[in-house]
């Protein structure tokens, strides 16, 4: 579980880092290929990076799906709980569990429909071919325009991300059922930056204590 608890962070970090690097290289290649430098320009024009944009789009789609699962685990999804928090404790618990169950049902359904789609969209053919089975009656499935990858690989983000999101809903629901706590995220907090708590009363007292000293030091007086 300690590895699974950080799965989304690893996937998102890799995807956003790789996508940023690919976009940088593609933009640099586009502009430097227009420079009339003998030898270098011919070599750059021979390098095909037309696939970069398509790949980055797919990477951001995968990032969004796994980012949604990360949002469930950390409690960063936007929710309106004004009515729920005003309900009696018993009803509040039931409403929260009902909402979590709705998330489980929705993501589980989307994951199942997505799995059925990619199976019929080419995964069926790939698995049967790998196992040496008869594929004469199975549709091979389409491929992507630039990368020429089987589209079922790209669309796998839907069932994988949805099932992971469903699992996170189950985790949150079980934790809430046992402890009554939900994951919460402070949108004003930045990870890696230590916050210093200031006592406002102590700050005012300190100011009142030293403000006359500052006025006398500057040559001023109290009227």
C-alpha atoms as a PDB file:
ATOM      1  CA  UNK A   1       0.000   0.000   0.000  1.00  0.00           C
ATOM      2  CA  UNK A   2       2.869   2.415   0.640  1.00  0.00           C
ATOM      3  CA  UNK A   3       3.750   2.224  -3.062  1.00  0.00           C
ATOM      4  CA  UNK A   4       0.122   2.394  -4.197  1.00  0.00           C
ATOM      5  CA  UNK A   5      -0.440   5.482  -2.048  1.00  0.00           C
ATOM      6  CA  UNK A   6       2.059   7.403  -4.187  1.00  0.00           C
ATOM      7  CA  UNK A   7       1.176   5.872  -7.564  1.00  0.00           C
ATOM      8  CA  UNK A   8      -0.602   8.973  -8.861  1.00  0.00           C
ATOM      9  CA  UNK A   9       2.260  11.294  -7.897  1.00  0.00           C
ATOM     10  CA  UNK A  10       4.794   9.151  -9.747  1.00  0.00           C
ATOM     11  CA  UNK A  11       2.666   8.898 -12.890  1.00  0.00           C
ATOM     12  CA  UNK A  12       1.761  12.603 -12.928  1.00  0.00           C
ATOM     13  CA  UNK A  13       5.357  13.683 -12.257  1.00  0.00           C
ATOM     14  CA  UNK A  14       6.704  11.506 -15.064  1.00  0.00           C
ATOM     15  CA  UNK A  15       4.044  12.590 -17.562  1.00  0.00           C
ATOM     16  CA  UNK A  16       4.309  16.330 -16.909  1.00  0.00           C
ATOM     17  CA  UNK A  17       8.116  16.195 -16.910  1.00  0.00           C
ATOM     18  CA  UNK A  18       8.291  14.197 -20.137  1.00  0.00           C
ATOM     19  CA  UNK A  19       5.629  16.333 -21.844  1.00  0.00           C
ATOM     20  CA  UNK A  20       7.453  19.541 -20.896  1.00  0.00           C
ATOM     21  CA  UNK A  21      10.727  18.193 -22.275  1.00  0.00           C
ATOM     22  CA  UNK A  22       9.127  17.021 -25.522  1.00  0.00           C
ATOM     23  CA  UNK A  23       7.366  20.350 -26.069  1.00  0.00           C
ATOM     24  CA  UNK A  24      10.618  22.232 -25.423  1.00  0.00           C
ATOM     25  CA  UNK A  25      12.557  20.082 -27.895  1.00  0.00           C
ATOM     26  CA  UNK A  26       9.794  20.367 -30.525  1.00  0.00           C
ATOM     27  CA  UNK A  27       9.599  24.169 -30.262  1.00  0.00           C
ATOM     28  CA  UNK A  28      13.391  24.493 -30.307  1.00  0.00           C
ATOM     29  CA  UNK A  29      13.551  22.248 -33.374  1.00  0.00           C
ATOM     30  CA  UNK A  30      10.864  24.249 -35.167  1.00  0.00           C
ATOM     31  CA  UNK A  31      12.664  27.573 -34.756  1.00  0.00           C
ATOM     32  CA  UNK A  32      16.234  26.384 -35.278  1.00  0.00           C
ATOM     33  CA  UNK A  33      15.221  24.508 -38.433  1.00  0.00           C
ATOM     34  CA  UNK A  34      14.337  27.894 -39.959  1.00  0.00           C
ATOM     35  CA  UNK A  35      17.837  29.270 -39.459  1.00  0.00           C
ATOM     36  CA  UNK A  36      19.884  29.253 -42.700  1.00  0.00           C
ATOM     37  CA  UNK A  37      22.865  27.446 -41.207  1.00  0.00           C
ATOM     38  CA  UNK A  38      24.550  25.137 -43.740  1.00  0.00           C
ATOM     39  CA  UNK A  39      24.566  21.523 -42.659  1.00  0.00           C
ATOM     40  CA  UNK A  40      22.631  22.092 -39.443  1.00  0.00           C
ATOM     41  CA  UNK A  41      19.465  23.194 -41.213  1.00  0.00           C
ATOM     42  CA  UNK A  42      19.490  20.194 -43.544  1.00  0.00           C
ATOM     43  CA  UNK A  43      19.971  17.850 -40.585  1.00  0.00           C
ATOM     44  CA  UNK A  44      17.184  19.456 -38.560  1.00  0.00           C
ATOM     45  CA  UNK A  45      14.779  19.334 -41.515  1.00  0.00           C
ATOM     46  CA  UNK A  46      15.476  15.623 -41.755  1.00  0.00           C
ATOM     47  CA  UNK A  47      14.436  15.074 -38.126  1.00  0.00           C
ATOM     48  CA  UNK A  48      10.732  14.223 -37.917  1.00  0.00           C
ATOM     49  CA  UNK A  49       9.040  15.556 -34.783  1.00  0.00           C
ATOM     50  CA  UNK A  50       5.516  15.703 -36.179  1.00  0.00           C
ATOM     51  CA  UNK A  51       4.491  13.138 -33.566  1.00  0.00           C
ATOM     52  CA  UNK A  52       5.404  15.392 -30.618  1.00  0.00           C
ATOM     53  CA  UNK A  53       2.107  17.282 -30.444  1.00  0.00           C
ATOM     54  CA  UNK A  54       0.021  14.116 -30.627  1.00  0.00           C
ATOM     55  CA  UNK A  55       2.077  12.409 -27.929  1.00  0.00           C
ATOM     56  CA  UNK A  56       1.821  15.392 -25.578  1.00  0.00           C
ATOM     57  CA  UNK A  57      -1.960  15.493 -26.003  1.00  0.00           C
ATOM     58  CA  UNK A  58      -2.187  11.843 -24.995  1.00  0.00           C
ATOM     59  CA  UNK A  59       0.138  12.415 -22.053  1.00  0.00           C
ATOM     60  CA  UNK A  60      -1.995  15.271 -20.758  1.00  0.00           C
ATOM     61  CA  UNK A  61      -5.130  13.120 -21.100  1.00  0.00           C
ATOM     62  CA  UNK A  62      -3.496  10.380 -19.006  1.00  0.00           C
ATOM     63  CA  UNK A  63      -2.325  13.015 -16.549  1.00  0.00           C
ATOM     64  CA  UNK A  64      -5.889  14.303 -16.148  1.00  0.00           C
ATOM     65  CA  UNK A  65      -7.322  10.839 -15.507  1.00  0.00           C
ATOM     66  CA  UNK A  66      -4.778   9.907 -12.861  1.00  0.00           C
ATOM     67  CA  UNK A  67      -4.901  13.435 -11.476  1.00  0.00           C
ATOM     68  CA  UNK A  68      -8.615  12.912 -10.829  1.00  0.00           C
ATOM     69  CA  UNK A  69      -7.794   9.837  -8.744  1.00  0.00           C
ATOM     70  CA  UNK A  70      -5.186  11.867  -6.870  1.00  0.00           C
ATOM     71  CA  UNK A  71      -7.829  14.495  -6.199  1.00  0.00           C
ATOM     72  CA  UNK A  72     -10.132  11.950  -4.579  1.00  0.00           C
ATOM     73  CA  UNK A  73      -7.356  10.634  -2.335  1.00  0.00           C
ATOM     74  CA  UNK A  74      -6.224  14.080  -1.175  1.00  0.00           C
ATOM     75  CA  UNK A  75      -9.631  15.798  -1.062  1.00  0.00           C
ATOM     76  CA  UNK A  76      -8.882  18.576  -3.556  1.00  0.00           C
ATOM     77  CA  UNK A  77     -12.011  18.130  -5.678  1.00  0.00           C
ATOM     78  CA  UNK A  78     -14.445  21.007  -5.369  1.00  0.00           C
ATOM     79  CA  UNK A  79     -17.586  20.163  -3.428  1.00  0.00           C
ATOM     80  CA  UNK A  80     -20.559  22.073  -2.009  1.00  0.00           C
ATOM     81  CA  UNK A  81     -21.188  20.840   1.525  1.00  0.00           C
ATOM     82  CA  UNK A  82     -23.073  23.770   3.059  1.00  0.00           C
ATOM     83  CA  UNK A  83     -26.254  21.727   3.549  1.00  0.00           C
ATOM     84  CA  UNK A  84     -24.461  18.536   4.608  1.00  0.00           C
ATOM     85  CA  UNK A  85     -22.473  20.223   7.383  1.00  0.00           C
ATOM     86  CA  UNK A  86     -25.685  21.676   8.873  1.00  0.00           C
ATOM     87  CA  UNK A  87     -27.413  18.309   9.125  1.00  0.00           C
ATOM     88  CA  UNK A  88     -27.511  16.270  12.344  1.00  0.00           C
ATOM     89  CA  UNK A  89     -24.552  13.958  12.780  1.00  0.00           C
ATOM     90  CA  UNK A  90     -26.438  10.788  11.804  1.00  0.00           C
ATOM     91  CA  UNK A  91     -27.824  12.296   8.628  1.00  0.00           C
ATOM     92  CA  UNK A  92     -24.512  13.921   7.780  1.00  0.00           C
ATOM     93  CA  UNK A  93     -22.744  10.551   7.887  1.00  0.00           C
ATOM     94  CA  UNK A  94     -25.427   8.989   5.689  1.00  0.00           C
ATOM     95  CA  UNK A  95     -25.228  11.822   3.142  1.00  0.00           C
ATOM     96  CA  UNK A  96     -21.430  11.635   2.948  1.00  0.00           C
ATOM     97  CA  UNK A  97     -21.493   7.852   2.499  1.00  0.00           C
ATOM     98  CA  UNK A  98     -24.200   8.223  -0.144  1.00  0.00           C
ATOM     99  CA  UNK A  99     -22.070  10.720  -2.035  1.00  0.00           C
ATOM    100  CA  UNK A 100     -19.028   8.463  -1.844  1.00  0.00           C
ATOM    101  CA  UNK A 101     -21.122   5.510  -3.024  1.00  0.00           C
ATOM    102  CA  UNK A 102     -22.253   7.616  -5.972  1.00  0.00           C
ATOM    103  CA  UNK A 103     -18.612   8.261  -6.848  1.00  0.00           C
ATOM    104  CA  UNK A 104     -17.841   4.532  -6.606  1.00  0.00           C
ATOM    105  CA  UNK A 105     -20.808   3.651  -8.806  1.00  0.00           C
ATOM    106  CA  UNK A 106     -20.039   6.301 -11.438  1.00  0.00           C
ATOM    107  CA  UNK A 107     -16.305   5.635 -11.751  1.00  0.00           C
ATOM    108  CA  UNK A 108     -16.831   1.866 -11.665  1.00  0.00           C
ATOM    109  CA  UNK A 109     -19.376   2.143 -14.486  1.00  0.00           C
ATOM    110  CA  UNK A 110     -17.130   4.383 -16.587  1.00  0.00           C
ATOM    111  CA  UNK A 111     -14.190   2.039 -15.992  1.00  0.00           C
ATOM    112  CA  UNK A 112     -16.212  -1.008 -17.058  1.00  0.00           C
ATOM    113  CA  UNK A 113     -17.588   0.694 -20.169  1.00  0.00           C
ATOM    114  CA  UNK A 114     -14.072   1.913 -21.029  1.00  0.00           C
ATOM    115  CA  UNK A 115     -12.635  -1.578 -20.598  1.00  0.00           C
ATOM    116  CA  UNK A 116     -15.300  -3.047 -22.872  1.00  0.00           C
ATOM    117  CA  UNK A 117     -14.610  -0.341 -25.457  1.00  0.00           C
ATOM    118  CA  UNK A 118     -10.843  -0.866 -25.652  1.00  0.00           C
ATOM    119  CA  UNK A 119     -11.343  -4.655 -25.727  1.00  0.00           C
ATOM    120  CA  UNK A 120     -13.468  -4.348 -28.857  1.00  0.00           C
ATOM    121  CA  UNK A 121     -11.327  -1.534 -30.267  1.00  0.00           C
ATOM    122  CA  UNK A 122      -8.183  -3.606 -30.772  1.00  0.00           C
ATOM    123  CA  UNK A 123      -7.120  -5.063 -27.429  1.00  0.00           C
ATOM    124  CA  UNK A 124      -9.015  -8.246 -28.282  1.00  0.00           C
ATOM    125  CA  UNK A 125      -6.917  -8.647 -31.430  1.00  0.00           C
ATOM    126  CA  UNK A 126      -3.636  -7.818 -29.664  1.00  0.00           C
ATOM    127  CA  UNK A 127      -4.206 -10.330 -26.842  1.00  0.00           C
ATOM    128  CA  UNK A 128      -5.305 -13.137 -29.174  1.00  0.00           C
ATOM    129  CA  UNK A 129      -2.323 -12.480 -31.466  1.00  0.00           C
ATOM    130  CA  UNK A 130       0.068 -12.565 -28.509  1.00  0.00           C
ATOM    131  CA  UNK A 131      -1.372 -15.895 -27.370  1.00  0.00           C
ATOM    132  CA  UNK A 132      -1.206 -17.360 -30.892  1.00  0.00           C
ATOM    133  CA  UNK A 133      -4.977 -17.750 -31.164  1.00  0.00           C
ATOM    134  CA  UNK A 134      -7.127 -17.397 -34.256  1.00  0.00           C
ATOM    135  CA  UNK A 135      -7.751 -13.723 -35.091  1.00  0.00           C
ATOM    136  CA  UNK A 136      -9.415 -14.169 -38.458  1.00  0.00           C
ATOM    137  CA  UNK A 137     -12.766 -13.020 -37.087  1.00  0.00           C
ATOM    138  CA  UNK A 138     -11.382 -10.303 -34.808  1.00  0.00           C
ATOM    139  CA  UNK A 139     -11.078  -6.633 -35.790  1.00  0.00           C
ATOM    140  CA  UNK A 140      -7.508  -5.345 -35.535  1.00  0.00           C
ATOM    141  CA  UNK A 141      -8.585  -1.850 -34.571  1.00  0.00           C
ATOM    142  CA  UNK A 142      -7.460   1.622 -35.701  1.00  0.00           C
ATOM    143  CA  UNK A 143      -4.142   3.332 -35.090  1.00  0.00           C
ATOM    144  CA  UNK A 144      -3.229   6.916 -34.222  1.00  0.00           C
ATOM    145  CA  UNK A 145      -2.419   9.314 -37.116  1.00  0.00           C
ATOM    146  CA  UNK A 146       1.190  10.305 -36.328  1.00  0.00           C
ATOM    147  CA  UNK A 147       2.546   7.798 -33.826  1.00  0.00           C
ATOM    148  CA  UNK A 148       0.698   4.915 -35.493  1.00  0.00           C
ATOM    149  CA  UNK A 149       0.006   3.333 -32.117  1.00  0.00           C
ATOM    150  CA  UNK A 150      -3.066   1.153 -31.559  1.00  0.00           C
ATOM    151  CA  UNK A 151      -5.752   3.481 -30.272  1.00  0.00           C
ATOM    152  CA  UNK A 152      -6.777   1.015 -27.564  1.00  0.00           C
ATOM    153  CA  UNK A 153      -3.475   1.728 -25.797  1.00  0.00           C
ATOM    154  CA  UNK A 154      -4.227   5.444 -25.719  1.00  0.00           C
ATOM    155  CA  UNK A 155      -7.836   4.902 -24.616  1.00  0.00           C
ATOM    156  CA  UNK A 156      -6.652   2.640 -21.779  1.00  0.00           C
ATOM    157  CA  UNK A 157      -6.398   5.815 -19.708  1.00  0.00           C
ATOM    158  CA  UNK A 158     -10.187   5.722 -19.293  1.00  0.00           C
ATOM    159  CA  UNK A 159     -10.577   2.317 -17.588  1.00  0.00           C
ATOM    160  CA  UNK A 160      -7.273   2.502 -15.703  1.00  0.00           C
ATOM    161  CA  UNK A 161      -7.851   6.014 -14.381  1.00  0.00           C
ATOM    162  CA  UNK A 162     -11.515   5.346 -13.607  1.00  0.00           C
ATOM    163  CA  UNK A 163     -10.832   2.103 -11.745  1.00  0.00           C
ATOM    164  CA  UNK A 164      -8.082   3.780  -9.722  1.00  0.00           C
ATOM    165  CA  UNK A 165     -10.465   6.619  -8.936  1.00  0.00           C
ATOM    166  CA  UNK A 166     -13.089   4.052  -7.883  1.00  0.00           C
ATOM    167  CA  UNK A 167     -10.539   2.421  -5.592  1.00  0.00           C
ATOM    168  CA  UNK A 168      -9.728   5.792  -4.023  1.00  0.00           C
ATOM    169  CA  UNK A 169     -13.434   6.407  -3.373  1.00  0.00           C
ATOM    170  CA  UNK A 170     -13.604   3.045  -1.621  1.00  0.00           C
ATOM    171  CA  UNK A 171     -10.557   3.973   0.473  1.00  0.00           C
ATOM    172  CA  UNK A 172     -12.049   7.318   1.447  1.00  0.00           C
ATOM    173  CA  UNK A 173     -15.409   5.725   2.240  1.00  0.00           C
ATOM    174  CA  UNK A 174     -13.899   3.024   4.434  1.00  0.00           C
ATOM    175  CA  UNK A 175     -11.747   5.545   6.312  1.00  0.00           C
ATOM    176  CA  UNK A 176     -14.737   7.823   6.859  1.00  0.00           C
ATOM    177  CA  UNK A 177     -16.875   4.904   8.045  1.00  0.00           C
ATOM    178  CA  UNK A 178     -14.245   3.903  10.628  1.00  0.00           C
ATOM    179  CA  UNK A 179     -12.971   7.283  11.793  1.00  0.00           C
ATOM    180  CA  UNK A 180     -15.462   9.882  10.556  1.00  0.00           C
ATOM    181  CA  UNK A 181     -12.652  11.784   8.805  1.00  0.00           C
ATOM    182  CA  UNK A 182     -12.497  12.887   5.187  1.00  0.00           C
ATOM    183  CA  UNK A 183      -9.359  13.924   3.296  1.00  0.00           C
ATOM    184  CA  UNK A 184      -9.053  17.713   3.209  1.00  0.00           C
ATOM    185  CA  UNK A 185      -6.694  19.983   1.329  1.00  0.00           C
ATOM    186  CA  UNK A 186      -5.678  23.498   2.310  1.00  0.00           C
ATOM    187  CA  UNK A 187      -5.627  25.428  -0.973  1.00  0.00           C
ATOM    188  CA  UNK A 188      -3.649  28.222   0.671  1.00  0.00           C
ATOM    189  CA  UNK A 189      -0.815  25.896   1.667  1.00  0.00           C
ATOM    190  CA  UNK A 190       2.165  25.274  -0.583  1.00  0.00           C
ATOM    191  CA  UNK A 191       3.993  22.016   0.014  1.00  0.00           C
ATOM    192  CA  UNK A 192       7.637  22.490   0.936  1.00  0.00           C
ATOM    193  CA  UNK A 193       7.126  25.899   2.525  1.00  0.00           C
ATOM    194  CA  UNK A 194       7.015  25.991   6.310  1.00  0.00           C
ATOM    195  CA  UNK A 195       4.341  28.218   7.737  1.00  0.00           C
ATOM    196  CA  UNK A 196       5.054  30.468  10.717  1.00  0.00           C
ATOM    197  CA  UNK A 197       2.070  30.974  12.994  1.00  0.00           C
ATOM    198  CA  UNK A 198       1.863  34.477  14.440  1.00  0.00           C
ATOM    199  CA  UNK A 199      -0.141  35.215  17.572  1.00  0.00           C
ATOM    200  CA  UNK A 200      -2.034  38.394  16.699  1.00  0.00           C
ATOM    201  CA  UNK A 201      -2.553  39.377  20.353  1.00  0.00           C
ATOM    202  CA  UNK A 202       1.158  39.061  21.137  1.00  0.00           C
ATOM    203  CA  UNK A 203       2.022  41.042  18.008  1.00  0.00           C
ATOM    204  CA  UNK A 204      -0.276  43.923  19.007  1.00  0.00           C
ATOM    205  CA  UNK A 205       1.106  43.991  22.566  1.00  0.00           C
ATOM    206  CA  UNK A 206       4.648  44.085  21.234  1.00  0.00           C
ATOM    207  CA  UNK A 207       3.747  46.937  18.912  1.00  0.00           C
ATOM    208  CA  UNK A 208       2.125  48.961  21.716  1.00  0.00           C
ATOM    209  CA  UNK A 209       5.177  48.373  23.891  1.00  0.00           C
ATOM    210  CA  UNK A 210       7.702  49.678  21.388  1.00  0.00           C
ATOM    211  CA  UNK A 211       5.801  52.263  19.358  1.00  0.00           C
ATOM    212  CA  UNK A 212       6.685  55.165  21.750  1.00  0.00           C
ATOM    213  CA  UNK A 213      10.348  54.171  21.707  1.00  0.00           C
ATOM    214  CA  UNK A 214      10.317  54.343  17.915  1.00  0.00           C
ATOM    215  CA  UNK A 215       8.681  57.787  17.966  1.00  0.00           C
ATOM    216  CA  UNK A 216      11.236  59.200  20.438  1.00  0.00           C
ATOM    217  CA  UNK A 217      14.104  57.680  18.484  1.00  0.00           C
ATOM    218  CA  UNK A 218      12.867  59.451  15.335  1.00  0.00           C
ATOM    219  CA  UNK A 219      12.513  62.791  17.166  1.00  0.00           C
ATOM    220  CA  UNK A 220       8.754  62.737  17.353  1.00  0.00           C
ATOM    221  CA  UNK A 221       6.506  63.131  20.354  1.00  0.00           C
ATOM    222  CA  UNK A 222       3.072  62.303  21.531  1.00  0.00           C
ATOM    223  CA  UNK A 223       0.450  65.038  21.431  1.00  0.00           C
END
